[in-house]
Protein backbone atom coordinates (compact mmCIF):
# COMPACT_ATOMS: atom_id res chain seq x y z
CA MET A 1 30.94 -10.10 27.06
CA LYS A 2 29.69 -8.87 23.82
CA ARG A 3 32.41 -7.89 21.35
CA ASN A 4 32.77 -5.05 19.42
CA PRO A 5 32.69 -5.40 15.55
CA SER A 6 35.85 -5.09 13.92
CA PRO A 7 36.87 -1.99 11.94
CA GLU A 8 37.02 -4.03 8.74
CA LYS A 9 33.47 -5.57 9.48
CA SER A 10 32.30 -1.91 10.41
CA ALA A 11 33.91 -0.55 7.17
CA ARG A 12 32.17 -3.14 5.01
CA THR A 13 28.96 -2.22 6.62
CA VAL A 14 29.03 1.48 6.00
CA HIS A 15 30.19 0.93 2.51
CA ALA A 16 27.25 -1.17 1.74
CA VAL A 17 24.86 1.22 3.30
CA LYS A 18 26.41 3.76 1.08
CA HIS A 19 25.89 1.51 -1.87
CA LEU A 20 22.25 1.09 -1.47
CA THR A 21 21.55 4.85 -0.89
CA ASP A 22 23.79 5.55 -4.27
CA ILE A 23 21.43 3.17 -6.12
CA LEU A 24 18.10 4.81 -4.48
CA ARG A 25 19.51 8.16 -5.46
CA CYS A 26 20.34 7.06 -8.78
CA VAL A 27 16.83 5.53 -9.38
CA SER A 28 15.27 8.76 -7.74
CA LYS A 29 17.11 10.99 -10.31
CA SER A 30 15.68 9.15 -13.54
CA SER A 31 12.32 10.58 -14.88
CA ASP A 32 11.82 6.67 -16.35
CA PRO A 33 12.53 3.19 -15.10
CA ILE A 34 16.19 2.69 -15.22
CA GLY A 35 17.91 -0.45 -16.47
CA VAL A 36 20.63 -2.48 -14.13
CA ASN A 37 23.36 -1.75 -16.29
CA GLU A 38 22.67 1.84 -16.22
CA VAL A 39 22.81 1.98 -12.43
CA ALA A 40 25.91 0.06 -12.28
CA ARG A 41 27.46 2.65 -14.53
CA GLN A 42 26.13 5.39 -12.69
CA VAL A 43 27.02 4.25 -9.13
CA GLY A 44 30.39 2.67 -10.20
CA LEU A 45 29.46 -0.91 -9.24
CA ASP A 46 29.90 -4.26 -11.11
CA LYS A 47 26.50 -5.27 -12.34
CA SER A 48 26.33 -8.46 -10.41
CA SER A 49 26.70 -6.49 -7.07
CA VAL A 50 23.98 -4.10 -8.29
CA SER A 51 21.82 -6.75 -9.18
CA ARG A 52 21.98 -8.25 -5.53
CA LEU A 53 21.66 -4.88 -3.94
CA ILE A 54 18.71 -4.08 -6.14
CA ALA A 55 17.06 -7.49 -5.28
CA SER A 56 17.60 -6.90 -1.65
CA LEU A 57 15.93 -3.25 -1.98
CA GLU A 58 12.85 -5.14 -3.67
CA GLN A 59 12.37 -7.62 -1.13
CA GLU A 60 11.96 -4.57 1.17
CA ARG A 61 9.59 -2.65 -1.66
CA LEU A 62 11.92 0.30 -1.80
CA LEU A 63 12.51 -0.78 -5.57
CA GLN A 64 10.44 -2.32 -8.10
CA LYS A 65 10.62 -3.62 -11.40
CA GLY A 66 8.41 -3.21 -14.17
CA ARG A 67 7.25 -5.54 -16.70
CA ASP A 68 10.07 -4.33 -19.02
CA GLY A 69 12.68 -5.11 -16.52
CA GLY A 70 13.14 -1.50 -15.71
CA ILE A 71 13.82 -0.15 -12.11
CA ARG A 72 11.89 2.65 -10.23
CA LEU A 73 11.32 3.53 -6.79
CA GLY A 74 8.93 1.13 -4.73
CA LEU A 75 5.79 1.96 -2.67
CA GLY A 76 7.64 0.77 0.58
CA LEU A 77 9.17 4.23 0.57
CA LEU A 78 5.97 6.01 0.87
CA ALA A 79 5.31 3.70 4.14
CA ILE A 80 8.55 4.84 5.63
CA ALA A 81 7.88 8.42 4.67
CA ALA A 82 4.28 8.75 5.45
CA PRO A 83 4.75 10.64 8.88
CA LEU A 84 6.91 13.13 6.81
CA MET A 85 4.40 13.33 4.21
CA ARG A 86 1.73 14.20 6.60
CA ASP A 87 3.90 16.90 8.10
CA LEU A 88 4.95 18.36 4.89
CA GLY A 89 1.98 17.93 3.11
CA LEU A 90 3.65 15.85 0.37
CA SER A 91 0.35 14.10 -0.76
CA THR A 92 -1.00 16.78 -2.63
CA ARG A 93 -1.37 14.54 -5.96
CA VAL A 94 -4.19 12.35 -4.29
CA ARG A 95 -5.65 15.06 -2.10
CA PRO A 96 -8.41 16.59 -4.64
CA SER A 97 -9.83 13.14 -4.91
CA LEU A 98 -9.52 12.15 -1.32
CA GLU A 99 -11.62 15.54 -0.53
CA GLU A 100 -13.80 14.86 -3.33
CA LEU A 101 -14.79 11.62 -1.97
CA ALA A 102 -15.06 12.93 1.71
CA GLU A 103 -17.33 15.38 0.46
CA ARG A 104 -19.47 13.10 -1.57
CA THR A 105 -19.76 10.43 1.58
CA GLY A 106 -19.47 12.72 4.34
CA GLU A 107 -17.14 10.24 5.92
CA THR A 108 -13.42 9.57 6.97
CA VAL A 109 -11.46 8.79 3.51
CA ASN A 110 -7.94 7.29 3.59
CA LEU A 111 -5.23 6.47 0.75
CA SER A 112 -3.05 3.59 2.31
CA VAL A 113 0.02 1.58 0.74
CA TRP A 114 1.45 -1.63 1.99
CA SER A 115 4.24 -1.51 4.19
CA GLY A 116 5.56 -5.10 3.63
CA SER A 117 3.20 -6.56 6.27
CA GLU A 118 0.47 -4.58 6.65
CA SER A 119 -1.41 -1.32 5.48
CA VAL A 120 -0.36 1.94 6.43
CA SER A 121 -2.15 5.40 5.75
CA ILE A 122 -0.40 8.22 3.85
CA ALA A 123 -3.11 10.60 3.22
CA GLN A 124 -6.59 11.44 4.71
CA ALA A 125 -9.32 13.67 4.13
CA LEU A 126 -12.46 14.12 6.59
CA GLY A 127 -16.23 14.57 5.33
CA SER A 128 -18.62 16.45 7.44
CA ASN A 129 -19.65 13.56 9.53
CA ALA A 130 -16.24 11.81 9.90
CA ILE A 131 -14.94 10.25 12.79
CA THR A 132 -11.28 12.00 13.02
CA HIS A 133 -9.55 9.13 15.00
CA PHE A 134 -9.94 6.32 11.89
CA ALA A 135 -6.40 5.77 10.39
CA SER A 136 -4.77 8.91 10.79
CA PRO A 137 -1.37 9.41 8.10
CA GLY A 138 0.98 7.11 9.59
CA GLN A 139 -1.16 4.90 11.30
CA THR A 140 -0.94 0.99 10.44
CA ASN A 141 -3.72 -1.54 10.25
CA PRO A 142 -3.43 -5.46 10.17
CA ALA A 143 -3.72 -7.04 6.51
CA HIS A 144 -5.94 -10.08 7.60
CA CYS A 145 -9.18 -8.16 9.01
CA THR A 146 -9.15 -4.48 7.58
CA ALA A 147 -10.82 -3.36 4.17
CA SER A 148 -7.26 -1.72 3.24
CA GLY A 149 -5.20 -4.46 4.42
CA LYS A 150 -7.12 -7.17 2.37
CA VAL A 151 -7.06 -5.06 -0.74
CA LEU A 152 -3.42 -4.43 -0.51
CA LEU A 153 -2.60 -7.82 0.42
CA ALA A 154 -4.61 -9.26 -2.42
CA PHE A 155 -2.38 -7.70 -4.94
CA GLU A 156 0.52 -9.03 -3.38
CA PRO A 157 2.67 -12.04 -4.88
CA PRO A 158 1.72 -15.43 -3.54
CA GLU A 159 4.79 -15.90 -1.51
CA VAL A 160 3.84 -12.62 0.23
CA VAL A 161 0.41 -13.89 0.85
CA GLU A 162 1.46 -17.03 2.16
CA HIS A 163 4.13 -15.34 4.66
CA VAL A 164 1.45 -13.01 6.05
CA LEU A 165 -1.16 -15.88 6.36
CA SER A 166 1.59 -18.25 8.22
CA GLN A 167 1.86 -15.77 10.98
CA PRO A 168 -0.35 -15.75 14.08
CA LEU A 169 -3.68 -13.94 13.08
CA GLU A 170 -5.15 -11.99 16.06
CA LYS A 171 -8.94 -12.48 16.26
CA TYR A 172 -9.98 -8.75 17.22
CA THR A 173 -13.68 -9.41 17.44
CA ASP A 174 -16.13 -12.48 16.99
CA ARG A 175 -16.23 -11.39 13.15
CA THR A 176 -12.61 -11.58 12.40
CA VAL A 177 -11.44 -14.44 10.35
CA VAL A 178 -8.26 -16.32 11.35
CA ASP A 179 -8.82 -19.10 8.92
CA PRO A 180 -6.22 -18.66 6.28
CA ARG A 181 -8.25 -20.87 3.95
CA ILE A 182 -11.05 -18.65 4.10
CA ILE A 183 -8.87 -15.43 3.69
CA ARG A 184 -7.13 -16.62 0.52
CA GLN A 185 -10.56 -17.41 -1.01
CA GLN A 186 -11.61 -13.74 -0.09
CA LEU A 187 -8.22 -12.21 -1.36
CA GLN A 188 -8.87 -13.79 -4.59
CA GLU A 189 -12.41 -12.39 -4.94
CA ILE A 190 -11.21 -9.13 -3.78
CA ARG A 191 -8.29 -8.96 -6.47
CA ALA A 192 -11.10 -10.11 -9.34
CA ARG A 193 -13.50 -7.21 -8.21
CA GLY A 194 -10.89 -4.60 -7.03
CA TYR A 195 -12.44 -3.72 -3.70
CA ALA A 196 -13.05 -5.01 -0.17
CA VAL A 197 -16.14 -4.36 2.20
CA ASN A 198 -15.21 -5.01 6.05
CA HIS A 199 -18.04 -5.37 8.85
CA GLY A 200 -16.62 -5.01 12.14
CA GLU A 201 -13.56 -7.48 11.47
CA PHE A 202 -10.94 -5.04 13.33
CA ALA A 203 -13.61 -3.31 15.56
CA LEU A 204 -17.49 -4.11 16.12
CA ASP A 205 -18.43 -0.56 15.79
CA VAL A 206 -16.28 0.11 12.58
CA CYS A 207 -17.09 -0.75 8.78
CA ALA A 208 -15.35 0.29 5.86
CA VAL A 209 -15.06 -0.41 1.87
CA SER A 210 -11.86 -0.08 0.28
CA ALA A 211 -10.89 0.10 -3.82
CA ALA A 212 -7.85 -0.67 -5.65
CA VAL A 213 -5.97 2.15 -7.20
CA CYS A 214 -3.44 1.21 -10.03
CA ASP A 215 -0.90 2.35 -11.96
CA LEU A 216 0.34 2.31 -15.80
CA ASP A 217 1.80 -1.25 -15.48
CA GLY A 218 -1.30 -2.65 -13.52
CA SER A 219 0.23 -2.26 -10.39
CA LEU A 220 -1.29 -1.62 -7.31
CA VAL A 221 -0.49 1.89 -6.04
CA GLY A 222 -2.61 1.81 -2.87
CA ALA A 223 -6.00 1.38 -1.28
CA LEU A 224 -8.87 4.15 -1.45
CA THR A 225 -10.69 3.63 1.87
CA VAL A 226 -13.88 4.98 3.05
CA THR A 227 -14.31 4.07 6.95
CA ILE A 228 -17.91 4.40 8.56
CA PRO A 229 -19.57 3.86 11.90
CA ALA A 230 -21.45 0.44 11.85
CA TYR A 231 -24.70 2.30 12.85
CA ARG A 232 -24.59 4.28 9.69
CA PHE A 233 -23.70 1.10 7.35
CA ASP A 234 -27.04 -0.52 6.14
CA GLN A 235 -27.33 -2.25 2.88
CA ASP A 236 -28.48 0.91 0.90
CA ARG A 237 -25.46 3.00 2.27
CA GLN A 238 -23.07 0.19 1.97
CA ALA A 239 -24.00 0.07 -2.04
CA ALA A 240 -23.86 4.08 -2.40
CA VAL A 241 -20.48 4.41 -0.73
CA LEU A 242 -18.92 1.70 -2.60
CA THR A 243 -20.20 3.11 -5.73
CA SER A 244 -18.49 6.44 -4.92
CA THR A 245 -15.57 4.75 -3.84
CA LEU A 246 -15.04 2.79 -6.88
CA SER A 247 -15.64 5.86 -8.89
CA VAL A 248 -12.73 7.96 -7.32
CA ALA A 249 -10.54 5.08 -7.17
CA ASN A 250 -11.01 4.52 -10.48
CA ASP A 251 -10.49 8.10 -11.33
CA LEU A 252 -7.15 8.15 -9.46
CA SER A 253 -5.95 5.00 -11.21
CA GLU A 254 -6.35 6.93 -14.79
CA GLN A 255 -4.34 9.62 -13.05
CA PHE A 256 -1.54 7.22 -12.51
CA GLY A 257 -1.80 6.03 -16.03
CA PHE A 258 -3.98 2.78 -15.75
CA ARG A 259 -5.66 1.88 -19.10
CA GLY A 260 -7.37 -1.43 -17.78
CA LYS A 261 -10.82 -2.31 -17.30
CA ALA A 262 -12.44 -0.32 -14.48
CA PHE A 263 -13.66 -2.04 -11.15
CA ARG A 264 -17.34 -1.89 -10.66
CA SER A 265 -19.45 -2.89 -7.69
CA ALA A 266 -20.99 -6.43 -7.51
CA LEU A 267 -23.65 -5.40 -5.11
């Protein structure tokens, strides 16, 4: 017979959840990255407890630390809120760029973020020739065999890459790469050049290009992706779409404060 948790244990759980939400709200209210000491002061907890809670939230990508140690909200929150963002139209900051790229390419354009294990679409714009069922907001895609997934995974820490590649990798088509050694090499190349190209690895009749969008710290904000039916994806079309995607992704990165070297096509 299953025992119910004791009142004391239930109370501890409730307090822990409250502390976590207090920390998230504290960071959310700060216009700049905030230090651990200041978070502890504002939420009324000792520094060691706050440090442990922040580490847990970082692990789930709900908070992230900048290079200066300041704490800010993490992109994992976007993954959780993606359906709400779709419903409430909260993706207005990136929408003009997505619509520009959709108009230039005529295809389906998405911005995706990392959920902790896969890619999740948070915003979409449709071009004149777009296929509407490609990666609608809230939809997730596997990391090992999609353009957005590989871009997002390529910018993750090595321990995250190894965790993802240690899991069973499904072979969706005869073009899906499931050898971790090959994928590691692909990810190194993607991180260096800032984009990925997919030729039917997730679905045989679907191809895509995806480019990195970075912020002030050089951290990855998301992956900007153009998805195209395979029959329209010849070599010339691939080069043209990649050039347009990188151009808009670099512009978006500048909007997010990135001042590093812009990514360029190697095609």
